[in-house]
Amino acid sequence: MGGMGKRGNITVGPVEPVLLLGAELDARVDTGARTSSVDARGVREFDRGGETWVSFGVPGCPGRHERRIRRWAEVRRAGGSARRPVVLLPLELRGVRMRREFTLADRGGMRFRVLLGRNALRGIAVVDVGR
C-alpha cells in the first residue's frame, strides 16, 4: 500500500481506503476540494448545552452519530451553492490516525461516500495521480 513521499509524508492515489466511523470505506481524493465530505443521511440539528449539534447516519457505517457543528461551509456546485454543517471526525488513512473536518452531504448520487479534500491531506500526504 503506497510508500513514503517527501518529508516522510505518505503517498496516496486518487482512491484510498479509509477507516471512518467504524467502517472501512473507499475515499475519493480530490485536491480541488478544500474540505472533505461524507455521505450523511437523516441529518438532524439539535441543541446540546447551548451549542448546535447534528445527528446523522452514514451508509455502510454502524449506527447513528452525533457531533457538534464546528462551522457552516458554503459549497459551490454546478447547480449553485449549498450551506452544509461541518463536523470533526476521526479518520485513519494508511495507518495514520487524525481528526479532520467533514461537511455532511447527501452523496447518494456519487460513486464514493467519502471525499478527501486538501485540508485532510495537508501535512501528512502527497498525492500521486498516477497510482
N, C-alpha and C. Protein backbone atom coordinates (compact mmCIF):
# COMPACT_ATOMS: atom_id res chain seq x y z
N MET A 1 0.82 -1.20 0.00
CA MET A 1 0.00 0.00 0.00
C MET A 1 0.85 1.25 0.00
N GLY A 2 1.29 1.77 -1.06
CA GLY A 2 1.90 3.10 -1.13
C GLY A 2 3.09 3.30 -0.23
N GLY A 3 3.99 4.12 -0.69
CA GLY A 3 5.19 4.38 0.07
C GLY A 3 5.17 5.73 0.73
N MET A 4 6.36 6.13 1.14
CA MET A 4 6.51 7.43 1.78
C MET A 4 6.91 8.45 0.73
N GLY A 5 6.35 9.62 0.84
CA GLY A 5 6.68 10.71 -0.08
C GLY A 5 7.73 11.60 0.53
N LYS A 6 7.86 12.81 0.01
CA LYS A 6 8.84 13.74 0.54
C LYS A 6 8.51 14.11 1.98
N ARG A 7 9.52 14.40 2.75
CA ARG A 7 9.40 14.79 4.16
C ARG A 7 8.67 13.75 5.01
N GLY A 8 8.69 12.46 4.60
CA GLY A 8 8.06 11.43 5.39
C GLY A 8 6.56 11.34 5.23
N ASN A 9 5.99 12.14 4.32
CA ASN A 9 4.55 12.06 4.08
C ASN A 9 4.21 10.74 3.41
N ILE A 10 2.98 10.28 3.62
CA ILE A 10 2.52 9.10 2.91
C ILE A 10 2.11 9.52 1.50
N THR A 11 2.17 8.57 0.58
CA THR A 11 1.78 8.84 -0.81
C THR A 11 0.43 8.20 -1.04
N VAL A 12 -0.52 8.98 -1.54
CA VAL A 12 -1.85 8.46 -1.79
C VAL A 12 -2.20 8.62 -3.27
N GLY A 13 -3.08 7.75 -3.73
CA GLY A 13 -3.57 7.82 -5.10
C GLY A 13 -4.93 8.46 -5.14
N PRO A 14 -5.61 8.38 -6.28
CA PRO A 14 -6.91 9.04 -6.43
C PRO A 14 -8.03 8.41 -5.61
N VAL A 15 -7.87 7.13 -5.23
CA VAL A 15 -8.85 6.45 -4.37
C VAL A 15 -8.08 5.72 -3.29
N GLU A 16 -8.50 5.91 -2.04
CA GLU A 16 -7.82 5.30 -0.90
C GLU A 16 -8.82 4.71 0.08
N PRO A 17 -8.53 3.52 0.65
CA PRO A 17 -9.37 3.01 1.72
C PRO A 17 -9.10 3.80 3.00
N VAL A 18 -10.16 4.17 3.71
CA VAL A 18 -10.03 4.89 4.98
C VAL A 18 -10.90 4.20 6.02
N LEU A 19 -10.55 4.39 7.27
CA LEU A 19 -11.37 3.94 8.38
C LEU A 19 -12.07 5.17 8.92
N LEU A 20 -13.40 5.15 8.87
CA LEU A 20 -14.20 6.30 9.29
C LEU A 20 -15.46 5.80 9.97
N LEU A 21 -15.71 6.26 11.19
CA LEU A 21 -16.92 5.92 11.93
C LEU A 21 -17.15 4.41 12.02
N GLY A 22 -16.08 3.68 12.26
CA GLY A 22 -16.19 2.25 12.49
C GLY A 22 -16.29 1.39 11.24
N ALA A 23 -16.04 1.94 10.07
CA ALA A 23 -16.13 1.16 8.84
C ALA A 23 -15.01 1.54 7.89
N GLU A 24 -14.59 0.57 7.08
CA GLU A 24 -13.63 0.86 6.02
C GLU A 24 -14.40 1.24 4.77
N LEU A 25 -14.10 2.41 4.25
CA LEU A 25 -14.77 2.92 3.06
C LEU A 25 -13.71 3.39 2.06
N ASP A 26 -14.04 3.33 0.79
CA ASP A 26 -13.16 3.89 -0.22
C ASP A 26 -13.43 5.38 -0.32
N ALA A 27 -12.37 6.18 -0.29
CA ALA A 27 -12.49 7.63 -0.36
C ALA A 27 -11.88 8.13 -1.66
N ARG A 28 -12.55 9.07 -2.27
CA ARG A 28 -12.03 9.74 -3.47
C ARG A 28 -11.17 10.90 -3.00
N VAL A 29 -9.92 10.96 -3.44
CA VAL A 29 -9.02 12.04 -3.10
C VAL A 29 -9.24 13.15 -4.12
N ASP A 30 -9.57 14.35 -3.64
CA ASP A 30 -9.87 15.47 -4.52
C ASP A 30 -9.17 16.72 -3.99
N THR A 31 -8.01 17.02 -4.54
CA THR A 31 -7.25 18.18 -4.07
C THR A 31 -7.90 19.49 -4.52
N GLY A 32 -8.89 19.43 -5.40
CA GLY A 32 -9.63 20.62 -5.79
C GLY A 32 -10.64 21.05 -4.74
N ALA A 33 -10.97 20.13 -3.85
CA ALA A 33 -11.91 20.43 -2.76
C ALA A 33 -11.11 20.82 -1.53
N ARG A 34 -11.50 21.89 -0.87
CA ARG A 34 -10.81 22.33 0.34
C ARG A 34 -11.16 21.41 1.51
N THR A 35 -12.45 21.22 1.73
CA THR A 35 -12.92 20.44 2.88
C THR A 35 -13.39 19.07 2.43
N SER A 36 -13.16 18.08 3.27
CA SER A 36 -13.63 16.72 2.99
C SER A 36 -15.13 16.65 3.17
N SER A 37 -15.73 15.59 2.63
CA SER A 37 -17.17 15.42 2.72
C SER A 37 -17.50 13.95 2.96
N VAL A 38 -18.58 13.71 3.70
CA VAL A 38 -19.03 12.35 3.95
C VAL A 38 -20.52 12.26 3.64
N ASP A 39 -20.94 11.11 3.14
CA ASP A 39 -22.34 10.86 2.78
C ASP A 39 -23.17 10.70 4.05
N ALA A 40 -23.84 11.77 4.45
CA ALA A 40 -24.63 11.77 5.69
C ALA A 40 -26.10 11.74 5.34
N ARG A 41 -26.84 10.88 6.01
CA ARG A 41 -28.28 10.74 5.78
C ARG A 41 -29.05 11.02 7.07
N GLY A 42 -30.25 11.54 6.91
CA GLY A 42 -31.10 11.82 8.06
C GLY A 42 -30.48 12.82 9.01
N VAL A 43 -29.85 13.85 8.47
CA VAL A 43 -29.18 14.85 9.31
C VAL A 43 -30.22 15.67 10.07
N ARG A 44 -30.07 15.69 11.40
CA ARG A 44 -30.99 16.45 12.24
C ARG A 44 -30.18 17.31 13.21
N GLU A 45 -30.49 18.59 13.22
CA GLU A 45 -29.85 19.51 14.16
C GLU A 45 -30.57 19.45 15.50
N PHE A 46 -29.79 19.65 16.59
CA PHE A 46 -30.39 19.75 17.91
C PHE A 46 -29.47 20.57 18.81
N ASP A 47 -30.01 21.04 19.90
CA ASP A 47 -29.27 21.86 20.85
C ASP A 47 -28.76 20.98 21.99
N ARG A 48 -27.49 21.17 22.35
CA ARG A 48 -26.92 20.47 23.50
C ARG A 48 -26.04 21.47 24.23
N GLY A 49 -26.47 21.86 25.40
CA GLY A 49 -25.70 22.79 26.22
C GLY A 49 -25.47 24.14 25.56
N GLY A 50 -26.45 24.60 24.79
CA GLY A 50 -26.33 25.90 24.14
C GLY A 50 -25.54 25.88 22.84
N GLU A 51 -25.11 24.69 22.41
CA GLU A 51 -24.38 24.56 21.15
C GLU A 51 -25.23 23.75 20.17
N THR A 52 -25.01 23.97 18.87
CA THR A 52 -25.76 23.23 17.86
C THR A 52 -24.99 21.97 17.47
N TRP A 53 -25.68 20.86 17.58
CA TRP A 53 -25.14 19.55 17.23
C TRP A 53 -25.97 18.97 16.09
N VAL A 54 -25.44 17.89 15.49
CA VAL A 54 -26.19 17.16 14.47
C VAL A 54 -26.13 15.68 14.78
N SER A 55 -27.20 15.00 14.39
CA SER A 55 -27.28 13.56 14.44
C SER A 55 -27.39 13.11 12.99
N PHE A 56 -26.68 12.03 12.62
CA PHE A 56 -26.70 11.59 11.23
C PHE A 56 -26.27 10.13 11.12
N GLY A 57 -26.61 9.52 10.01
CA GLY A 57 -26.16 8.18 9.68
C GLY A 57 -25.33 8.23 8.42
N VAL A 58 -24.44 7.25 8.26
CA VAL A 58 -23.62 7.14 7.06
C VAL A 58 -23.79 5.72 6.52
N PRO A 59 -24.27 5.57 5.28
CA PRO A 59 -24.42 4.22 4.71
C PRO A 59 -23.10 3.44 4.80
N GLY A 60 -23.20 2.22 5.30
CA GLY A 60 -22.01 1.38 5.45
C GLY A 60 -21.34 1.50 6.80
N CYS A 61 -21.75 2.48 7.61
CA CYS A 61 -21.19 2.66 8.95
C CYS A 61 -22.26 2.32 9.98
N PRO A 62 -21.89 1.61 11.03
CA PRO A 62 -22.89 1.20 12.02
C PRO A 62 -23.45 2.37 12.83
N GLY A 63 -24.77 2.35 13.06
CA GLY A 63 -25.43 3.28 13.96
C GLY A 63 -25.56 4.71 13.46
N ARG A 64 -26.05 5.54 14.39
CA ARG A 64 -26.14 6.99 14.15
C ARG A 64 -25.02 7.66 14.91
N HIS A 65 -24.67 8.85 14.47
CA HIS A 65 -23.54 9.56 15.06
C HIS A 65 -23.98 10.96 15.44
N GLU A 66 -23.41 11.48 16.52
CA GLU A 66 -23.71 12.84 16.97
C GLU A 66 -22.41 13.61 17.09
N ARG A 67 -22.40 14.81 16.51
CA ARG A 67 -21.22 15.66 16.58
C ARG A 67 -21.66 17.12 16.70
N ARG A 68 -20.82 17.93 17.34
CA ARG A 68 -21.06 19.36 17.43
C ARG A 68 -20.72 19.99 16.09
N ILE A 69 -21.56 20.92 15.65
CA ILE A 69 -21.26 21.64 14.41
C ILE A 69 -20.16 22.64 14.71
N ARG A 70 -19.04 22.53 14.01
CA ARG A 70 -17.90 23.44 14.21
C ARG A 70 -18.11 24.74 13.45
N ARG A 71 -18.69 24.64 12.27
CA ARG A 71 -18.94 25.81 11.43
C ARG A 71 -19.85 25.38 10.29
N TRP A 72 -20.22 26.33 9.48
CA TRP A 72 -21.01 26.06 8.27
C TRP A 72 -20.15 26.38 7.06
N ALA A 73 -20.25 25.56 6.02
CA ALA A 73 -19.48 25.77 4.79
C ALA A 73 -20.43 26.06 3.64
N GLU A 74 -20.08 27.03 2.84
CA GLU A 74 -20.79 27.32 1.59
C GLU A 74 -20.08 26.51 0.52
N VAL A 75 -20.79 25.53 -0.03
CA VAL A 75 -20.19 24.63 -1.02
C VAL A 75 -20.73 24.99 -2.39
N ARG A 76 -19.81 25.30 -3.31
CA ARG A 76 -20.22 25.64 -4.68
C ARG A 76 -20.34 24.38 -5.50
N ARG A 77 -21.44 24.31 -6.25
CA ARG A 77 -21.68 23.18 -7.14
C ARG A 77 -22.16 23.71 -8.48
N ALA A 78 -22.30 22.81 -9.44
CA ALA A 78 -22.73 23.21 -10.78
C ALA A 78 -24.10 23.89 -10.75
N GLY A 79 -25.00 23.44 -9.88
CA GLY A 79 -26.34 23.99 -9.81
C GLY A 79 -26.49 25.16 -8.85
N GLY A 80 -25.40 25.69 -8.34
CA GLY A 80 -25.46 26.78 -7.36
C GLY A 80 -24.61 26.47 -6.16
N SER A 81 -25.04 26.95 -5.00
CA SER A 81 -24.28 26.67 -3.79
C SER A 81 -25.21 26.13 -2.72
N ALA A 82 -24.61 25.46 -1.74
CA ALA A 82 -25.37 24.87 -0.64
C ALA A 82 -24.62 25.15 0.66
N ARG A 83 -25.36 25.34 1.73
CA ARG A 83 -24.79 25.56 3.07
C ARG A 83 -24.83 24.23 3.80
N ARG A 84 -23.65 23.76 4.24
CA ARG A 84 -23.57 22.46 4.88
C ARG A 84 -22.89 22.55 6.24
N PRO A 85 -23.35 21.72 7.20
CA PRO A 85 -22.68 21.69 8.50
C PRO A 85 -21.32 21.00 8.37
N VAL A 86 -20.36 21.49 9.16
CA VAL A 86 -19.02 20.90 9.20
C VAL A 86 -18.78 20.35 10.60
N VAL A 87 -18.37 19.07 10.66
CA VAL A 87 -18.11 18.41 11.94
C VAL A 87 -16.70 17.83 11.92
N LEU A 88 -16.18 17.54 13.10
CA LEU A 88 -14.86 16.92 13.24
C LEU A 88 -15.04 15.42 13.42
N LEU A 89 -14.36 14.62 12.57
CA LEU A 89 -14.48 13.17 12.64
C LEU A 89 -13.11 12.52 12.72
N PRO A 90 -13.02 11.38 13.45
CA PRO A 90 -11.77 10.63 13.45
C PRO A 90 -11.63 9.91 12.12
N LEU A 91 -10.41 9.91 11.59
CA LEU A 91 -10.13 9.33 10.29
C LEU A 91 -8.81 8.58 10.37
N GLU A 92 -8.74 7.43 9.73
CA GLU A 92 -7.48 6.72 9.62
C GLU A 92 -7.19 6.48 8.15
N LEU A 93 -6.02 6.93 7.70
CA LEU A 93 -5.59 6.81 6.32
C LEU A 93 -4.20 6.20 6.31
N ARG A 94 -4.07 4.99 5.76
CA ARG A 94 -2.78 4.30 5.69
C ARG A 94 -2.07 4.22 7.04
N GLY A 95 -2.85 3.92 8.08
CA GLY A 95 -2.29 3.75 9.41
C GLY A 95 -2.08 5.05 10.18
N VAL A 96 -2.32 6.19 9.54
CA VAL A 96 -2.18 7.49 10.21
C VAL A 96 -3.55 7.90 10.75
N ARG A 97 -3.63 8.07 12.06
CA ARG A 97 -4.89 8.49 12.69
C ARG A 97 -4.88 9.99 12.90
N MET A 98 -6.04 10.59 12.63
CA MET A 98 -6.17 12.04 12.75
C MET A 98 -7.63 12.39 12.97
N ARG A 99 -7.89 13.65 13.26
CA ARG A 99 -9.26 14.18 13.32
C ARG A 99 -9.31 15.29 12.28
N ARG A 100 -10.30 15.22 11.41
CA ARG A 100 -10.40 16.18 10.32
C ARG A 100 -11.83 16.68 10.18
N GLU A 101 -11.98 17.87 9.59
CA GLU A 101 -13.30 18.43 9.32
C GLU A 101 -13.91 17.79 8.08
N PHE A 102 -15.22 17.49 8.19
CA PHE A 102 -16.00 16.95 7.08
C PHE A 102 -17.31 17.71 6.96
N THR A 103 -17.70 18.03 5.75
CA THR A 103 -19.05 18.54 5.54
C THR A 103 -19.97 17.32 5.49
N LEU A 104 -21.20 17.51 5.95
CA LEU A 104 -22.21 16.46 5.88
C LEU A 104 -23.08 16.73 4.67
N ALA A 105 -23.10 15.80 3.73
CA ALA A 105 -23.85 15.99 2.49
C ALA A 105 -24.41 14.66 2.01
N ASP A 106 -25.55 14.71 1.35
CA ASP A 106 -26.10 13.50 0.74
C ASP A 106 -25.31 13.24 -0.54
N ARG A 107 -24.45 12.24 -0.50
CA ARG A 107 -23.62 11.87 -1.65
C ARG A 107 -24.18 10.63 -2.32
N GLY A 108 -25.49 10.40 -2.18
CA GLY A 108 -26.13 9.21 -2.73
C GLY A 108 -25.93 9.04 -4.22
N GLY A 109 -25.84 10.13 -4.95
CA GLY A 109 -25.63 10.05 -6.39
C GLY A 109 -24.18 9.94 -6.79
N MET A 110 -23.30 9.94 -5.81
CA MET A 110 -21.87 9.89 -6.08
C MET A 110 -21.34 8.46 -5.93
N ARG A 111 -20.26 8.15 -6.61
CA ARG A 111 -19.67 6.81 -6.55
C ARG A 111 -19.03 6.53 -5.19
N PHE A 112 -18.47 7.57 -4.56
CA PHE A 112 -17.76 7.38 -3.28
C PHE A 112 -18.49 8.10 -2.15
N ARG A 113 -18.62 7.42 -1.01
CA ARG A 113 -19.29 8.01 0.15
C ARG A 113 -18.43 9.04 0.86
N VAL A 114 -17.12 8.97 0.62
CA VAL A 114 -16.19 9.87 1.29
C VAL A 114 -15.35 10.58 0.23
N LEU A 115 -15.21 11.88 0.39
CA LEU A 115 -14.32 12.68 -0.45
C LEU A 115 -13.29 13.30 0.48
N LEU A 116 -12.02 13.10 0.19
CA LEU A 116 -10.94 13.69 0.99
C LEU A 116 -10.42 14.92 0.27
N GLY A 117 -10.62 16.07 0.88
CA GLY A 117 -10.14 17.33 0.33
C GLY A 117 -8.72 17.63 0.78
N ARG A 118 -8.17 18.71 0.27
CA ARG A 118 -6.77 19.02 0.54
C ARG A 118 -6.48 19.33 2.01
N ASN A 119 -7.45 19.86 2.77
CA ASN A 119 -7.19 20.14 4.18
C ASN A 119 -6.97 18.85 4.99
N ALA A 120 -7.62 17.76 4.59
CA ALA A 120 -7.43 16.48 5.29
C ALA A 120 -6.04 15.90 5.03
N LEU A 121 -5.48 16.22 3.87
CA LEU A 121 -4.20 15.65 3.46
C LEU A 121 -3.00 16.50 3.87
N ARG A 122 -3.26 17.78 4.15
CA ARG A 122 -2.18 18.73 4.45
C ARG A 122 -1.30 18.25 5.59
N GLY A 123 -0.01 18.22 5.32
CA GLY A 123 0.96 17.86 6.35
C GLY A 123 1.18 16.38 6.53
N ILE A 124 0.38 15.53 5.89
CA ILE A 124 0.56 14.08 6.10
C ILE A 124 0.68 13.30 4.79
N ALA A 125 0.23 13.87 3.67
CA ALA A 125 0.21 13.08 2.45
C ALA A 125 0.58 13.90 1.22
N VAL A 126 1.14 13.21 0.25
CA VAL A 126 1.32 13.76 -1.08
C VAL A 126 0.52 12.89 -2.02
N VAL A 127 -0.02 13.50 -3.07
CA VAL A 127 -0.89 12.78 -4.00
C VAL A 127 -0.12 12.40 -5.25
N ASP A 128 -0.21 11.14 -5.62
CA ASP A 128 0.38 10.64 -6.86
C ASP A 128 -0.78 10.20 -7.74
N VAL A 129 -1.17 11.06 -8.69
CA VAL A 129 -2.34 10.77 -9.51
C VAL A 129 -2.12 9.57 -10.43
N GLY A 130 -0.87 9.16 -10.61
CA GLY A 130 -0.57 8.02 -11.46
C GLY A 130 -0.81 6.69 -10.77
N ARG A 131 -1.08 6.70 -9.46
CA ARG A 131 -1.31 5.45 -8.73
C ARG A 131 -2.66 4.89 -9.03
